[in-house]
Amino acid sequence: MSKHTPGPWTADWDDNGFICIDPIRACIPNVNDDGGIEMANALLIAAAPDLLEMLKRARKRIPDESNIAAPIDAVIAKAEGTK
């Protein structure tokens, strides 16, 4: 799998009422009246590069024998497509 688009990513409404995630320009249609669910999902997607980076940094401080090391490694592998 190729590397993801580096952050920072943002999520905001566009001129057509879609919620778009930049710089990847993925747009989510607003199917609810207030767009709350769509915006919440878009904000989570936009935070993904930062979340992955922070998880990698935290993992460096966790001993391999820790009971949370393997689950963290699995999440990192999933995010990087190496699972």
C-alpha atoms as a PDB file:
ATOM      1  CA  MET A   1       0.000   0.000   0.000  1.00  0.00           C
ATOM      2  CA  SER A   2       1.224   3.473  -0.774  1.00  0.00           C
ATOM      3  CA  LYS A   3       1.706   6.092   1.899  1.00  0.00           C
ATOM      4  CA  HIS A   4      -1.249   8.213   2.884  1.00  0.00           C
ATOM      5  CA  THR A   5      -1.533  11.880   2.089  1.00  0.00           C
ATOM      6  CA  PRO A   6       0.306  13.726   4.841  1.00  0.00           C
ATOM      7  CA  GLY A   7      -1.636  15.943   7.228  1.00  0.00           C
ATOM      8  CA  PRO A   8      -2.860  18.240   8.326  1.00  0.00           C
ATOM      9  CA  TRP A   9      -6.298  17.322   7.031  1.00  0.00           C
ATOM     10  CA  THR A  10      -9.370  19.463   7.569  1.00  0.00           C
ATOM     11  CA  ALA A  11     -13.119  18.936   7.292  1.00  0.00           C
ATOM     12  CA  ASP A  12     -15.531  21.696   6.395  1.00  0.00           C
ATOM     13  CA  TRP A  13     -18.667  22.461   4.411  1.00  0.00           C
ATOM     14  CA  ASP A  14     -18.240  23.279   0.725  1.00  0.00           C
ATOM     15  CA  ASP A  15     -20.404  25.622  -1.376  1.00  0.00           C
ATOM     16  CA  ASN A  16     -22.698  22.753  -2.425  1.00  0.00           C
ATOM     17  CA  GLY A  17     -23.561  21.610   1.095  1.00  0.00           C
ATOM     18  CA  PHE A  18     -21.168  18.663   1.130  1.00  0.00           C
ATOM     19  CA  ILE A  19     -18.696  18.045   3.930  1.00  0.00           C
ATOM     20  CA  CYS A  20     -15.257  17.775   2.337  1.00  0.00           C
ATOM     21  CA  ILE A  21     -11.992  16.519   3.748  1.00  0.00           C
ATOM     22  CA  ASP A  22      -8.944  18.326   2.422  1.00  0.00           C
ATOM     23  CA  PRO A  23      -6.318  17.877   1.050  1.00  0.00           C
ATOM     24  CA  ILE A  24      -7.683  14.512  -0.132  1.00  0.00           C
ATOM     25  CA  ARG A  25     -10.902  16.199  -1.316  1.00  0.00           C
ATOM     26  CA  ALA A  26     -13.166  13.387  -0.174  1.00  0.00           C
ATOM     27  CA  CYS A  27     -16.697  14.727   0.105  1.00  0.00           C
ATOM     28  CA  ILE A  28     -19.566  13.357   2.152  1.00  0.00           C
ATOM     29  CA  PRO A  29     -23.139  14.250   1.229  1.00  0.00           C
ATOM     30  CA  ASN A  30     -25.286  15.704   3.968  1.00  0.00           C
ATOM     31  CA  VAL A  31     -28.152  13.212   4.338  1.00  0.00           C
ATOM     32  CA  ASN A  32     -29.364  14.475   7.707  1.00  0.00           C
ATOM     33  CA  ASP A  33     -30.962  17.825   8.316  1.00  0.00           C
ATOM     34  CA  ASP A  34     -28.148  19.208  10.424  1.00  0.00           C
ATOM     35  CA  GLY A  35     -25.162  17.245   9.081  1.00  0.00           C
ATOM     36  CA  GLY A  36     -24.053  16.358  12.602  1.00  0.00           C
ATOM     37  CA  ILE A  37     -23.287  12.702  11.958  1.00  0.00           C
ATOM     38  CA  GLU A  38     -21.563  13.404   8.665  1.00  0.00           C
ATOM     39  CA  MET A  39     -19.451  16.185  10.179  1.00  0.00           C
ATOM     40  CA  ALA A  40     -18.510  13.999  13.158  1.00  0.00           C
ATOM     41  CA  ASN A  41     -17.338  11.281  10.760  1.00  0.00           C
ATOM     42  CA  ALA A  42     -15.495  13.790   8.591  1.00  0.00           C
ATOM     43  CA  LEU A  43     -13.705  15.270  11.598  1.00  0.00           C
ATOM     44  CA  LEU A  44     -12.617  11.799  12.696  1.00  0.00           C
ATOM     45  CA  ILE A  45     -11.296  11.049   9.198  1.00  0.00           C
ATOM     46  CA  ALA A  46      -9.516  14.413   9.110  1.00  0.00           C
ATOM     47  CA  ALA A  47      -7.837  13.622  12.442  1.00  0.00           C
ATOM     48  CA  ALA A  48      -6.612  10.211  11.221  1.00  0.00           C
ATOM     49  CA  PRO A  49      -3.068  11.227  10.150  1.00  0.00           C
ATOM     50  CA  ASP A  50      -2.477  12.962  13.491  1.00  0.00           C
ATOM     51  CA  LEU A  51      -3.962  10.071  15.463  1.00  0.00           C
ATOM     52  CA  LEU A  52      -1.731   7.586  13.644  1.00  0.00           C
ATOM     53  CA  GLU A  53       1.376   9.684  14.268  1.00  0.00           C
ATOM     54  CA  MET A  54       0.599  10.052  17.976  1.00  0.00           C
ATOM     55  CA  LEU A  55      -0.099   6.320  18.289  1.00  0.00           C
ATOM     56  CA  LYS A  56       3.268   5.523  16.693  1.00  0.00           C
ATOM     57  CA  ARG A  57       5.015   7.915  19.090  1.00  0.00           C
ATOM     58  CA  ALA A  58       3.245   6.417  22.094  1.00  0.00           C
ATOM     59  CA  ARG A  59       4.053   2.880  20.948  1.00  0.00           C
ATOM     60  CA  LYS A  60       7.785   3.653  21.047  1.00  0.00           C
ATOM     61  CA  ARG A  61       7.445   4.189  24.801  1.00  0.00           C
ATOM     62  CA  ILE A  62       5.506   0.975  25.472  1.00  0.00           C
ATOM     63  CA  PRO A  63       7.501  -2.194  26.172  1.00  0.00           C
ATOM     64  CA  ASP A  64       6.905  -5.070  23.737  1.00  0.00           C
ATOM     65  CA  GLU A  65       5.830  -7.327  26.595  1.00  0.00           C
ATOM     66  CA  SER A  66       3.072  -4.929  27.659  1.00  0.00           C
ATOM     67  CA  ASN A  67      -0.473  -6.227  27.282  1.00  0.00           C
ATOM     68  CA  ILE A  68      -1.358  -3.267  25.060  1.00  0.00           C
ATOM     69  CA  ALA A  69       1.611  -3.460  22.677  1.00  0.00           C
ATOM     70  CA  ALA A  70       0.087  -6.082  20.346  1.00  0.00           C
ATOM     71  CA  PRO A  71      -3.301  -4.335  19.999  1.00  0.00           C
ATOM     72  CA  ILE A  72      -1.553  -1.027  19.268  1.00  0.00           C
ATOM     73  CA  ASP A  73       0.653  -2.712  16.667  1.00  0.00           C
ATOM     74  CA  ALA A  74      -2.473  -4.219  15.076  1.00  0.00           C
ATOM     75  CA  VAL A  75      -4.186  -0.834  14.834  1.00  0.00           C
ATOM     76  CA  ILE A  76      -1.079   0.749  13.292  1.00  0.00           C
ATOM     77  CA  ALA A  77      -0.825  -2.110  10.774  1.00  0.00           C
ATOM     78  CA  LYS A  78      -4.518  -1.720   9.912  1.00  0.00           C
ATOM     79  CA  ALA A  79      -4.119   2.019   9.344  1.00  0.00           C
ATOM     80  CA  GLU A  80      -1.057   1.466   7.169  1.00  0.00           C
ATOM     81  CA  GLY A  81      -2.641  -1.373   5.190  1.00  0.00           C
ATOM     82  CA  THR A  82      -0.059  -3.927   6.330  1.00  0.00           C
ATOM     83  CA  LYS A  83      -2.499  -5.983   8.390  1.00  0.00           C
END
